[in-house]
Amino acid sequence: MIVGTTEAAQILEISTARLRVLLSEGRVQGAYKTGKMWLIPLVKGKPIIKRGTRGPAPRWRNPKKPATTIIHVNSHRIRQNQKQQQQLPVITVKKGQTNTYGHIVEIPGGCRVVYSPDNPLGCGARVWIETLNKVKIIC
């Protein structure tokens, strides 16, 4: 994909003036000028900038992806509740490395239900719900 200076500057989170300086120094790989307009190719969604010989390191970084919240029903707790006549919460909400249990989970916005019998989660779940939104856990 090929973009102009304004879009490339937004992707790199730098000013268009700074990008024009990089272009004039020949540090933007594959960029070429047609008339008065620079055309900049994107590789994996970003322009490739050659490293300079002096000055501070570049500030553009790949943003961290938000942790996916995974929600599944814990069958081991269901069996434990039946055997021991308990009311332990059976819905597990996993966010990063933490597990939270509840009886009711409200999911605002979009989510998706995943069935993966050949590649279960580490806990053994083969069906789960994934969302990037915050969930409300009611114990």
C-alpha atoms as a PDB file:
ATOM      1  CA  MET A   1       0.000   0.000   0.000  1.00  0.00           C
ATOM      2  CA  ILE A   2       1.243   3.499  -0.759  1.00  0.00           C
ATOM      3  CA  VAL A   3       0.328   6.609   1.258  1.00  0.00           C
ATOM      4  CA  GLY A   4       1.120  10.334   1.260  1.00  0.00           C
ATOM      5  CA  THR A   5       3.089  12.340   3.794  1.00  0.00           C
ATOM      6  CA  THR A   6       0.123  13.223   6.019  1.00  0.00           C
ATOM      7  CA  GLU A   7      -1.001   9.608   6.472  1.00  0.00           C
ATOM      8  CA  ALA A   8       2.575   8.346   6.946  1.00  0.00           C
ATOM      9  CA  ALA A   9       3.233  11.024   9.589  1.00  0.00           C
ATOM     10  CA  GLN A  10       0.065   9.989  11.469  1.00  0.00           C
ATOM     11  CA  ILE A  11       1.116   6.329  11.365  1.00  0.00           C
ATOM     12  CA  LEU A  12       4.582   7.192  12.725  1.00  0.00           C
ATOM     13  CA  GLU A  13       3.105   9.713  15.206  1.00  0.00           C
ATOM     14  CA  ILE A  14       5.456  12.489  14.046  1.00  0.00           C
ATOM     15  CA  SER A  15       4.804  15.831  12.358  1.00  0.00           C
ATOM     16  CA  THR A  16       4.601  16.120   8.582  1.00  0.00           C
ATOM     17  CA  ALA A  17       7.503  18.600   8.710  1.00  0.00           C
ATOM     18  CA  ARG A  18       9.720  15.981  10.411  1.00  0.00           C
ATOM     19  CA  LEU A  19       8.672  13.396   7.851  1.00  0.00           C
ATOM     20  CA  ARG A  20       9.564  15.771   5.001  1.00  0.00           C
ATOM     21  CA  VAL A  21      13.032  16.176   6.540  1.00  0.00           C
ATOM     22  CA  LEU A  22      13.433  12.392   6.639  1.00  0.00           C
ATOM     23  CA  LEU A  23      12.275  12.211   3.009  1.00  0.00           C
ATOM     24  CA  SER A  24      14.731  14.890   1.876  1.00  0.00           C
ATOM     25  CA  GLU A  25      17.570  13.048   3.662  1.00  0.00           C
ATOM     26  CA  GLY A  26      16.597   9.853   1.801  1.00  0.00           C
ATOM     27  CA  ARG A  27      15.891   7.942   5.018  1.00  0.00           C
ATOM     28  CA  VAL A  28      12.403   6.701   4.072  1.00  0.00           C
ATOM     29  CA  GLN A  29      12.937   3.422   2.234  1.00  0.00           C
ATOM     30  CA  GLY A  30      11.183   3.125  -1.119  1.00  0.00           C
ATOM     31  CA  ALA A  31       9.684   6.643  -1.060  1.00  0.00           C
ATOM     32  CA  TYR A  32       9.582   8.548  -4.354  1.00  0.00           C
ATOM     33  CA  LYS A  33       8.300  11.882  -5.532  1.00  0.00           C
ATOM     34  CA  THR A  34       5.813  12.424  -8.362  1.00  0.00           C
ATOM     35  CA  GLY A  35       5.411  16.091  -9.134  1.00  0.00           C
ATOM     36  CA  LYS A  36       5.065  17.825  -5.754  1.00  0.00           C
ATOM     37  CA  MET A  37       3.780  14.774  -3.904  1.00  0.00           C
ATOM     38  CA  TRP A  38       5.739  12.120  -2.023  1.00  0.00           C
ATOM     39  CA  LEU A  39       4.495   8.512  -2.264  1.00  0.00           C
ATOM     40  CA  ILE A  40       5.544   6.308   0.634  1.00  0.00           C
ATOM     41  CA  PRO A  41       5.174   2.494   0.602  1.00  0.00           C
ATOM     42  CA  LEU A  42       4.003   0.728   3.766  1.00  0.00           C
ATOM     43  CA  VAL A  43       5.541  -2.523   4.962  1.00  0.00           C
ATOM     44  CA  LYS A  44       3.456  -4.304   7.624  1.00  0.00           C
ATOM     45  CA  GLY A  45       1.421  -1.126   8.007  1.00  0.00           C
ATOM     46  CA  LYS A  46       4.355   1.285   8.566  1.00  0.00           C
ATOM     47  CA  PRO A  47       6.939   3.115   6.458  1.00  0.00           C
ATOM     48  CA  ILE A  48      10.514   1.842   6.868  1.00  0.00           C
ATOM     49  CA  ILE A  49      12.813   4.555   8.204  1.00  0.00           C
ATOM     50  CA  LYS A  50      16.583   4.059   7.954  1.00  0.00           C
ATOM     51  CA  ARG A  51      18.414   4.758  11.175  1.00  0.00           C
ATOM     52  CA  GLY A  52      20.193   8.116  11.441  1.00  0.00           C
ATOM     53  CA  THR A  53      23.805   8.558  12.442  1.00  0.00           C
ATOM     54  CA  ARG A  54      23.243  10.966  15.332  1.00  0.00           C
ATOM     55  CA  GLY A  55      20.578  12.294  17.633  1.00  0.00           C
ATOM     56  CA  PRO A  56      18.073  10.488  19.857  1.00  0.00           C
ATOM     57  CA  ALA A  57      16.488   7.160  18.984  1.00  0.00           C
ATOM     58  CA  PRO A  58      13.202   7.361  17.047  1.00  0.00           C
ATOM     59  CA  ARG A  59      10.026   7.647  19.132  1.00  0.00           C
ATOM     60  CA  TRP A  60       7.637   5.597  17.030  1.00  0.00           C
ATOM     61  CA  ARG A  61       6.797   2.260  18.555  1.00  0.00           C
ATOM     62  CA  ASN A  62       4.315  -0.491  17.881  1.00  0.00           C
ATOM     63  CA  PRO A  63       1.443   0.043  20.306  1.00  0.00           C
ATOM     64  CA  LYS A  64       0.676  -2.797  22.714  1.00  0.00           C
ATOM     65  CA  LYS A  65      -2.417  -4.762  21.872  1.00  0.00           C
ATOM     66  CA  PRO A  66      -5.008  -4.772  24.642  1.00  0.00           C
ATOM     67  CA  ALA A  67      -5.318  -8.026  26.543  1.00  0.00           C
ATOM     68  CA  THR A  68      -8.267 -10.114  25.412  1.00  0.00           C
ATOM     69  CA  THR A  69     -10.770 -11.018  28.115  1.00  0.00           C
ATOM     70  CA  ILE A  70     -11.711 -14.701  27.928  1.00  0.00           C
ATOM     71  CA  ILE A  71     -14.882 -15.973  29.605  1.00  0.00           C
ATOM     72  CA  HIS A  72     -15.690 -19.671  30.005  1.00  0.00           C
ATOM     73  CA  VAL A  73     -17.693 -22.015  32.190  1.00  0.00           C
ATOM     74  CA  ASN A  74     -15.568 -24.081  34.567  1.00  0.00           C
ATOM     75  CA  SER A  75     -16.918 -27.652  34.399  1.00  0.00           C
ATOM     76  CA  HIS A  76     -14.720 -28.755  37.332  1.00  0.00           C
ATOM     77  CA  ARG A  77     -16.491 -26.283  39.616  1.00  0.00           C
ATOM     78  CA  ILE A  78     -19.900 -27.447  38.363  1.00  0.00           C
ATOM     79  CA  ARG A  79     -19.021 -31.046  39.317  1.00  0.00           C
ATOM     80  CA  GLN A  80     -17.629 -29.854  42.658  1.00  0.00           C
ATOM     81  CA  ASN A  81     -20.862 -27.958  43.385  1.00  0.00           C
ATOM     82  CA  GLN A  82     -22.952 -31.043  42.583  1.00  0.00           C
ATOM     83  CA  LYS A  83     -20.857 -33.404  44.711  1.00  0.00           C
ATOM     84  CA  GLN A  84     -20.485 -31.151  47.737  1.00  0.00           C
ATOM     85  CA  GLN A  85     -23.831 -29.292  47.515  1.00  0.00           C
ATOM     86  CA  GLN A  86     -22.073 -25.913  47.229  1.00  0.00           C
ATOM     87  CA  GLN A  87     -22.767 -22.718  45.276  1.00  0.00           C
ATOM     88  CA  LEU A  88     -19.265 -21.752  44.100  1.00  0.00           C
ATOM     89  CA  PRO A  89     -19.222 -19.391  41.081  1.00  0.00           C
ATOM     90  CA  VAL A  90     -18.573 -21.358  37.885  1.00  0.00           C
ATOM     91  CA  ILE A  91     -17.992 -18.615  35.283  1.00  0.00           C
ATOM     92  CA  THR A  92     -14.279 -17.803  34.871  1.00  0.00           C
ATOM     93  CA  VAL A  93     -13.158 -14.428  33.487  1.00  0.00           C
ATOM     94  CA  LYS A  94      -9.493 -14.427  32.414  1.00  0.00           C
ATOM     95  CA  LYS A  95      -7.761 -11.117  31.756  1.00  0.00           C
ATOM     96  CA  GLY A  96      -4.016 -11.455  31.275  1.00  0.00           C
ATOM     97  CA  GLN A  97      -2.719 -13.635  34.115  1.00  0.00           C
ATOM     98  CA  THR A  98      -5.671 -13.138  36.501  1.00  0.00           C
ATOM     99  CA  ASN A  99      -8.780 -15.296  36.926  1.00  0.00           C
ATOM    100  CA  THR A 100     -11.977 -13.928  38.444  1.00  0.00           C
ATOM    101  CA  TYR A 101     -15.014 -16.092  39.190  1.00  0.00           C
ATOM    102  CA  GLY A 102     -18.662 -15.085  39.186  1.00  0.00           C
ATOM    103  CA  HIS A 103     -22.232 -16.304  38.796  1.00  0.00           C
ATOM    104  CA  ILE A 104     -23.243 -13.651  36.228  1.00  0.00           C
ATOM    105  CA  VAL A 105     -21.094 -11.777  33.685  1.00  0.00           C
ATOM    106  CA  GLU A 106     -22.387  -8.816  31.685  1.00  0.00           C
ATOM    107  CA  ILE A 107     -20.595  -8.137  28.376  1.00  0.00           C
ATOM    108  CA  PRO A 108     -21.208  -4.695  26.862  1.00  0.00           C
ATOM    109  CA  GLY A 109     -20.362  -4.164  23.186  1.00  0.00           C
ATOM    110  CA  GLY A 110     -18.955  -6.765  20.838  1.00  0.00           C
ATOM    111  CA  CYS A 111     -17.670 -10.201  21.670  1.00  0.00           C
ATOM    112  CA  ARG A 112     -17.196 -13.535  19.952  1.00  0.00           C
ATOM    113  CA  VAL A 113     -17.815 -17.146  20.941  1.00  0.00           C
ATOM    114  CA  VAL A 114     -14.926 -19.487  20.068  1.00  0.00           C
ATOM    115  CA  TYR A 115     -15.146 -23.275  19.718  1.00  0.00           C
ATOM    116  CA  SER A 116     -11.720 -24.840  19.347  1.00  0.00           C
ATOM    117  CA  PRO A 117     -11.745 -28.583  20.080  1.00  0.00           C
ATOM    118  CA  ASP A 118      -8.251 -29.149  18.635  1.00  0.00           C
ATOM    119  CA  ASN A 119      -6.574 -26.255  20.448  1.00  0.00           C
ATOM    120  CA  PRO A 120      -8.151 -25.812  23.916  1.00  0.00           C
ATOM    121  CA  LEU A 121      -7.092 -23.178  26.437  1.00  0.00           C
ATOM    122  CA  GLY A 122      -4.528 -24.072  29.071  1.00  0.00           C
ATOM    123  CA  CYS A 123      -7.353 -24.804  31.534  1.00  0.00           C
ATOM    124  CA  GLY A 124      -8.918 -27.275  29.051  1.00  0.00           C
ATOM    125  CA  ALA A 125     -11.824 -25.103  27.878  1.00  0.00           C
ATOM    126  CA  ARG A 126     -12.873 -25.802  24.295  1.00  0.00           C
ATOM    127  CA  VAL A 127     -15.652 -23.168  24.115  1.00  0.00           C
ATOM    128  CA  TRP A 128     -15.175 -19.622  25.366  1.00  0.00           C
ATOM    129  CA  ILE A 129     -16.151 -15.990  24.778  1.00  0.00           C
ATOM    130  CA  GLU A 130     -13.559 -13.350  23.849  1.00  0.00           C
ATOM    131  CA  THR A 131     -13.991  -9.577  24.165  1.00  0.00           C
ATOM    132  CA  LEU A 132     -11.793  -6.485  24.230  1.00  0.00           C
ATOM    133  CA  ASN A 133     -14.369  -4.557  26.303  1.00  0.00           C
ATOM    134  CA  LYS A 134     -14.534  -4.371  30.081  1.00  0.00           C
ATOM    135  CA  VAL A 135     -16.882  -6.919  31.614  1.00  0.00           C
ATOM    136  CA  LYS A 136     -18.972  -6.618  34.781  1.00  0.00           C
ATOM    137  CA  ILE A 137     -18.692  -9.633  37.095  1.00  0.00           C
ATOM    138  CA  ILE A 138     -21.510 -10.222  39.559  1.00  0.00           C
ATOM    139  CA  CYS A 139     -20.645 -12.697  42.309  1.00  0.00           C
END
